[in-house]
Amino acid sequence: MPDICLLGTGGMLPLKDRFLTSLYAEYNGKAVLIDCGEGTQVAIAKHGLKMSKIELLLITHCHADHVTGLPGLLLSIGNSSRTEPLDIAAPESCLSVIGSLMSVCGALPYEVRLHGLPEDKPYEFAAEMIDPMLKIRTLPLSHRVSCLGYSLSLERKPEFQPQNAKALGIPVEYWKRLHAGETVTLSDGRSIAPEAVTGEKRPPIKITYTTDTLPIAELKDLAESSDLFICEGMYGSSDKKESMNEKCHMLMQDACSIAAAANVKRLWLTHYSPAEKEPSVYEEELREIFPQVTVTEDGAKITL
């Protein structure tokens, strides 16, 4: 099961007690990192995680609070004796910015592979460097620059039913292959399909991450039925609505309304304005809109 850590919850600039918003998701010893603002490598260490496990870095957009930690992270990863390639995916227009940031790193002991993602339409790809069953879907958001939301969907194999295997007289040495989805032929000539010894198909584990956007209608579809929806909430005061619309951001209340419409299981708010010193004061009010909301703090963790 994936282990999730919200490394930071701040927007615009880091505070002494609040790192910039970034997500670390680990599965089977490999990790995806979403966004890399200033000091991200420090937050990773602070929360007891390992940079060496990162196989894929997803960038939402190229504003400073989401990318300027990249040189420090890449150098820190290099100091962890990494030699395997690292993949970075970002909106197509971000690649030149990322290349410029990387220019201060000098020669890294591993290859960095850059992948440009469409900015004008949703897109889906398999994150095989993490797991062949992990699919990542993108959505162009509404911000002042090209910005993408990400939804990570991890398909799950049907549960193996040992009682079915025993009833069919299938030797134990075949069980692993059947659970992996392989049809096997027994010594008595019988052909056994995996469906004979597995349960019903299970829904995928879904994590959706969106920040720096107006509350556009398409977010409902991206977040639909997510086990965890992580969404920005710059402010919790309704008198900031007009200002947030002008700056292409959303309020905490906007995020809660999207979560309710999308039938997500839980909502974590993040990307608070530096002016929001105690964002948790809004939590009771927000739960009237969406009861499963958490006004998160840095280092929030969950296993899905």
Protein backbone atom coordinates (compact mmCIF):
# COMPACT_ATOMS: atom_id res chain seq x y z
CA MET A 1 0.00 0.00 0.00
CA PRO A 2 1.28 3.52 -0.75
CA ASP A 3 2.68 5.66 2.05
CA ILE A 4 1.94 9.37 1.69
CA CYS A 5 3.66 12.34 3.31
CA LEU A 6 2.78 15.98 2.75
CA LEU A 7 6.23 17.48 3.15
CA GLY A 8 5.05 21.06 3.49
CA THR A 9 1.85 23.09 3.44
CA GLY A 10 3.01 26.60 2.58
CA GLY A 11 2.54 28.74 -0.48
CA MET A 12 4.63 31.62 -1.85
CA LEU A 13 7.54 31.39 0.58
CA PRO A 14 8.77 29.06 3.33
CA LEU A 15 8.27 30.05 6.96
CA LYS A 16 10.34 28.97 9.95
CA ASP A 17 7.66 26.44 10.88
CA ARG A 18 6.16 25.72 7.44
CA PHE A 19 7.86 24.28 4.37
CA LEU A 20 6.52 24.83 0.88
CA THR A 21 3.88 22.47 -0.45
CA SER A 22 5.24 19.18 -1.81
CA LEU A 23 4.03 15.59 -1.78
CA TYR A 24 6.08 12.41 -1.30
CA ALA A 25 4.31 9.14 -2.21
CA GLU A 26 6.15 5.83 -1.73
CA TYR A 27 5.15 2.39 -2.99
CA ASN A 28 7.24 -0.78 -2.78
CA GLY A 29 10.40 1.16 -2.01
CA LYS A 30 10.04 3.68 -4.86
CA ALA A 31 8.73 7.23 -4.55
CA VAL A 32 7.01 9.94 -6.57
CA LEU A 33 7.64 13.55 -5.57
CA ILE A 34 5.22 16.29 -6.64
CA ASP A 35 6.76 19.77 -6.74
CA CYS A 36 10.07 20.88 -5.35
CA GLY A 37 10.09 24.30 -3.74
CA GLU A 38 12.92 25.84 -1.77
CA GLY A 39 14.24 23.50 0.93
CA THR A 40 12.36 20.38 -0.18
CA GLN A 41 15.37 18.16 0.47
CA VAL A 42 15.47 19.46 4.06
CA ALA A 43 11.79 18.61 4.53
CA ILE A 44 12.38 15.10 3.18
CA ALA A 45 15.11 14.52 5.76
CA LYS A 46 13.12 16.13 8.57
CA HIS A 47 10.21 13.75 8.04
CA GLY A 48 12.41 10.65 7.98
CA LEU A 49 12.12 9.91 4.27
CA LYS A 50 14.77 8.99 1.69
CA MET A 51 15.65 11.03 -1.39
CA SER A 52 17.32 7.96 -2.86
CA LYS A 53 13.88 6.34 -3.34
CA ILE A 54 12.60 9.07 -5.65
CA GLU A 55 12.18 7.73 -9.18
CA LEU A 56 9.78 10.32 -10.61
CA LEU A 57 9.37 14.03 -9.97
CA LEU A 58 6.18 15.73 -11.15
CA ILE A 59 6.11 19.52 -11.46
CA THR A 60 2.77 21.35 -11.44
CA HIS A 61 4.13 24.66 -12.80
CA CYS A 62 7.19 26.85 -12.82
CA HIS A 63 6.49 29.43 -10.15
CA ALA A 64 9.38 29.72 -7.73
CA ASP A 65 7.67 28.15 -4.73
CA HIS A 66 7.22 24.94 -6.74
CA VAL A 67 10.56 24.51 -8.51
CA THR A 68 13.45 26.46 -6.98
CA GLY A 69 14.37 23.61 -4.65
CA LEU A 70 15.27 21.47 -7.65
CA PRO A 71 19.04 22.13 -7.78
CA GLY A 72 19.44 21.38 -4.08
CA LEU A 73 17.39 18.21 -4.36
CA LEU A 74 19.29 16.93 -7.39
CA LEU A 75 22.64 17.59 -5.74
CA SER A 76 21.51 15.93 -2.51
CA ILE A 77 20.32 12.88 -4.47
CA GLY A 78 23.72 12.78 -6.16
CA ASN A 79 25.37 12.72 -2.75
CA SER A 80 23.32 9.63 -1.88
CA SER A 81 25.38 7.57 -4.38
CA ARG A 82 22.63 7.38 -6.97
CA THR A 83 23.62 6.26 -10.45
CA GLU A 84 20.21 5.21 -11.87
CA PRO A 85 18.32 7.71 -14.09
CA LEU A 86 15.76 10.09 -12.55
CA ASP A 87 12.63 11.11 -14.49
CA ILE A 88 11.11 14.59 -14.27
CA ALA A 89 7.75 15.32 -15.90
CA ALA A 90 6.36 18.84 -16.20
CA PRO A 91 4.28 21.07 -18.47
CA GLU A 92 6.09 21.38 -21.80
CA SER A 93 6.81 25.08 -21.32
CA CYS A 94 8.55 24.35 -18.00
CA LEU A 95 11.34 22.28 -19.50
CA SER A 96 13.52 25.26 -20.40
CA VAL A 97 13.16 26.64 -16.87
CA ILE A 98 14.05 23.25 -15.37
CA GLY A 99 17.05 23.04 -17.68
CA SER A 100 18.23 26.44 -16.50
CA LEU A 101 17.87 25.43 -12.85
CA MET A 102 19.82 22.26 -13.52
CA SER A 103 22.67 24.23 -15.10
CA VAL A 104 23.97 25.21 -11.65
CA CYS A 105 24.27 21.56 -10.61
CA GLY A 106 27.29 20.77 -12.75
CA ALA A 107 27.82 17.12 -13.63
CA LEU A 108 25.44 14.84 -11.75
CA PRO A 109 26.38 11.17 -11.27
CA TYR A 110 23.08 10.07 -12.80
CA GLU A 111 21.01 10.93 -15.87
CA VAL A 112 18.01 13.25 -15.54
CA ARG A 113 15.36 12.47 -18.14
CA LEU A 114 12.93 15.34 -18.84
CA HIS A 115 9.41 14.69 -20.14
CA GLY A 116 7.17 17.47 -21.41
CA LEU A 117 3.45 17.05 -20.74
CA PRO A 118 0.60 18.58 -22.81
CA GLU A 119 -0.69 21.87 -21.42
CA ASP A 120 -3.88 22.16 -23.47
CA LYS A 121 -5.58 18.83 -22.80
CA PRO A 122 -5.77 16.02 -20.23
CA TYR A 123 -3.15 13.32 -20.62
CA GLU A 124 -2.47 9.90 -19.12
CA PHE A 125 0.69 7.84 -18.87
CA ALA A 126 1.97 4.77 -17.04
CA ALA A 127 4.59 5.42 -14.38
CA GLU A 128 6.45 2.18 -15.04
CA MET A 129 9.55 3.41 -13.21
CA ILE A 130 7.43 3.14 -10.05
CA ASP A 131 5.07 0.27 -10.93
CA PRO A 132 3.46 -0.88 -14.21
CA MET A 133 0.06 -0.66 -12.51
CA LEU A 134 0.46 3.04 -11.61
CA LYS A 135 -1.29 5.39 -14.03
CA ILE A 136 -0.94 9.16 -13.83
CA ARG A 137 -3.55 11.46 -15.29
CA THR A 138 -3.03 15.19 -15.78
CA LEU A 139 -5.44 18.10 -16.05
CA PRO A 140 -4.63 21.63 -17.26
CA LEU A 141 -5.61 24.00 -14.48
CA SER A 142 -6.53 27.70 -14.51
CA HIS A 143 -3.59 29.69 -13.20
CA ARG A 144 -1.52 32.64 -14.40
CA VAL A 145 0.94 30.26 -16.06
CA SER A 146 0.56 26.73 -17.45
CA CYS A 147 -0.20 24.48 -14.50
CA LEU A 148 -1.17 20.82 -14.22
CA GLY A 149 -3.11 18.85 -11.65
CA TYR A 150 -2.15 15.22 -11.13
CA SER A 151 -4.16 12.14 -10.27
CA LEU A 152 -2.27 8.95 -9.38
CA SER A 153 -4.24 5.73 -9.79
CA LEU A 154 -2.72 2.47 -8.59
CA GLU A 155 -4.50 -0.58 -9.95
CA ARG A 156 -4.78 -3.49 -7.52
CA LYS A 157 -4.73 -7.17 -8.30
CA PRO A 158 -7.75 -9.18 -7.16
CA GLU A 159 -7.16 -10.85 -3.80
CA PHE A 160 -5.93 -14.42 -3.98
CA GLN A 161 -8.41 -16.96 -2.56
CA PRO A 162 -6.36 -19.87 -1.12
CA GLN A 163 -9.53 -21.79 -0.24
CA ASN A 164 -10.43 -21.88 -3.95
CA ALA A 165 -6.96 -23.08 -4.87
CA LYS A 166 -7.15 -25.84 -2.27
CA ALA A 167 -10.62 -26.91 -3.41
CA LEU A 168 -9.29 -27.26 -6.96
CA GLY A 169 -6.29 -29.23 -5.76
CA ILE A 170 -3.76 -26.73 -7.09
CA PRO A 171 -0.26 -27.26 -5.65
CA VAL A 172 1.15 -24.30 -3.69
CA GLU A 173 4.01 -23.78 -6.16
CA TYR A 174 1.48 -22.49 -8.72
CA TRP A 175 -0.22 -19.96 -6.43
CA LYS A 176 2.16 -17.06 -6.98
CA ARG A 177 1.92 -17.34 -10.76
CA LEU A 178 -1.88 -17.43 -10.62
CA HIS A 179 -1.98 -14.37 -8.34
CA ALA A 180 0.26 -12.57 -10.83
CA GLY A 181 -2.41 -13.12 -13.49
CA GLU A 182 -0.85 -16.08 -15.29
CA THR A 183 -2.80 -19.10 -16.54
CA VAL A 184 -1.03 -22.31 -15.50
CA THR A 185 -1.12 -25.91 -16.68
CA LEU A 186 -1.01 -28.51 -13.92
CA SER A 187 0.79 -31.86 -14.12
CA ASP A 188 -2.57 -33.59 -14.68
CA GLY A 189 -3.15 -31.49 -17.80
CA ARG A 190 -5.73 -29.08 -16.35
CA SER A 191 -5.45 -25.45 -17.41
CA ILE A 192 -6.27 -23.05 -14.55
CA ALA A 193 -7.04 -19.38 -15.20
CA PRO A 194 -6.28 -16.83 -12.46
CA GLU A 195 -9.97 -15.91 -12.22
CA ALA A 196 -10.62 -19.36 -10.73
CA VAL A 197 -8.64 -18.55 -7.58
CA THR A 198 -8.99 -14.77 -7.19
CA GLY A 199 -11.78 -12.56 -5.93
CA GLU A 200 -13.55 -9.72 -7.68
CA LYS A 201 -11.59 -6.85 -9.20
CA ARG A 202 -10.76 -4.21 -6.61
CA PRO A 203 -11.02 -0.47 -7.24
CA PRO A 204 -7.70 1.35 -7.65
CA ILE A 205 -6.12 3.47 -4.94
CA LYS A 206 -6.41 7.07 -6.14
CA ILE A 207 -4.57 10.18 -4.99
CA THR A 208 -5.30 13.56 -6.56
CA TYR A 209 -3.10 16.63 -6.11
CA THR A 210 -4.07 20.11 -7.30
CA THR A 211 -2.75 23.51 -6.35
CA ASP A 212 -2.56 27.03 -7.80
CA THR A 213 -5.82 27.16 -9.71
CA LEU A 214 -9.27 28.60 -9.82
CA PRO A 215 -11.95 26.08 -8.75
CA ILE A 216 -12.73 24.95 -12.30
CA ALA A 217 -15.51 22.44 -13.00
CA GLU A 218 -13.08 19.88 -14.47
CA LEU A 219 -11.53 19.33 -11.04
CA LYS A 220 -14.55 17.28 -10.03
CA ASP A 221 -13.81 14.68 -12.69
CA LEU A 222 -10.09 14.58 -11.92
CA ALA A 223 -10.69 14.06 -8.19
CA GLU A 224 -13.73 11.77 -8.55
CA SER A 225 -13.74 9.01 -5.89
CA SER A 226 -10.19 9.75 -4.76
CA ASP A 227 -9.05 8.03 -1.60
CA LEU A 228 -7.10 11.20 -0.86
CA PHE A 229 -7.64 14.61 -2.45
CA ILE A 230 -4.93 17.16 -1.70
CA CYS A 231 -5.98 20.64 -2.71
CA GLU A 232 -4.90 24.19 -2.12
CA GLY A 233 -6.74 26.50 0.22
CA MET A 234 -4.86 29.78 0.29
CA TYR A 235 -7.25 31.43 2.74
CA GLY A 236 -10.22 30.43 4.86
CA SER A 237 -11.90 33.80 4.98
CA SER A 238 -14.66 34.46 2.44
CA ASP A 239 -13.71 38.13 2.11
CA LYS A 240 -10.61 36.97 0.22
CA LYS A 241 -12.68 35.43 -2.59
CA GLU A 242 -12.38 38.29 -5.07
CA SER A 243 -8.66 38.62 -4.47
CA MET A 244 -8.14 34.86 -4.94
CA ASN A 245 -10.13 34.91 -8.19
CA GLU A 246 -7.88 37.69 -9.51
CA LYS A 247 -4.75 35.72 -8.58
CA CYS A 248 -6.13 32.39 -9.88
CA HIS A 249 -6.16 30.65 -6.52
CA MET A 250 -8.95 29.17 -4.42
CA LEU A 251 -10.26 29.36 -0.88
CA MET A 252 -10.47 26.45 1.55
CA GLN A 253 -14.24 26.52 1.07
CA ASP A 254 -13.81 26.06 -2.70
CA ALA A 255 -11.70 22.96 -2.13
CA CYS A 256 -14.31 21.52 0.25
CA SER A 257 -17.09 22.06 -2.29
CA ILE A 258 -15.09 20.25 -4.98
CA ALA A 259 -14.34 17.37 -2.59
CA ALA A 260 -18.03 16.99 -1.75
CA ALA A 261 -19.07 17.02 -5.42
CA ALA A 262 -16.34 14.52 -6.35
CA ASN A 263 -17.24 12.02 -3.61
CA VAL A 264 -13.69 11.79 -2.33
CA LYS A 265 -12.97 9.84 0.85
CA ARG A 266 -10.81 12.49 2.51
CA LEU A 267 -9.54 15.97 1.76
CA TRP A 268 -6.21 17.44 2.88
CA LEU A 269 -5.87 21.19 2.52
CA THR A 270 -2.50 22.74 1.77
CA HIS A 271 -0.69 25.71 0.14
CA TYR A 272 -1.71 28.24 2.77
CA SER A 273 -0.83 31.89 2.41
CA PRO A 274 1.99 33.06 4.70
CA ALA A 275 -0.61 35.44 6.13
CA GLU A 276 -2.67 32.46 7.37
CA LYS A 277 -0.76 31.85 10.60
CA GLU A 278 -3.31 29.41 12.06
CA PRO A 279 -5.30 27.87 9.19
CA SER A 280 -6.73 25.20 11.49
CA VAL A 281 -9.14 27.76 13.00
CA TYR A 282 -11.39 27.25 9.97
CA GLU A 283 -11.66 23.47 10.29
CA GLU A 284 -14.99 23.35 12.15
CA GLU A 285 -16.62 25.66 9.62
CA LEU A 286 -15.17 23.70 6.71
CA ARG A 287 -16.53 20.39 8.02
CA GLU A 288 -20.03 21.75 7.49
CA ILE A 289 -19.22 21.71 3.77
CA PHE A 290 -17.17 18.49 3.72
CA PRO A 291 -16.93 16.50 6.97
CA GLN A 292 -13.79 14.56 6.00
CA VAL A 293 -11.59 17.63 5.59
CA THR A 294 -8.27 18.07 7.40
CA VAL A 295 -6.45 21.38 7.58
CA THR A 296 -3.09 19.67 7.42
CA GLU A 297 0.23 20.58 8.92
CA ASP A 298 3.70 19.82 7.57
CA GLY A 299 4.58 16.14 7.76
CA ALA A 300 1.03 14.77 7.62
CA LYS A 301 1.28 11.05 6.83
CA ILE A 302 -1.12 8.27 5.86
CA THR A 303 -0.95 4.74 4.45
CA LEU A 304 -3.69 4.07 1.90
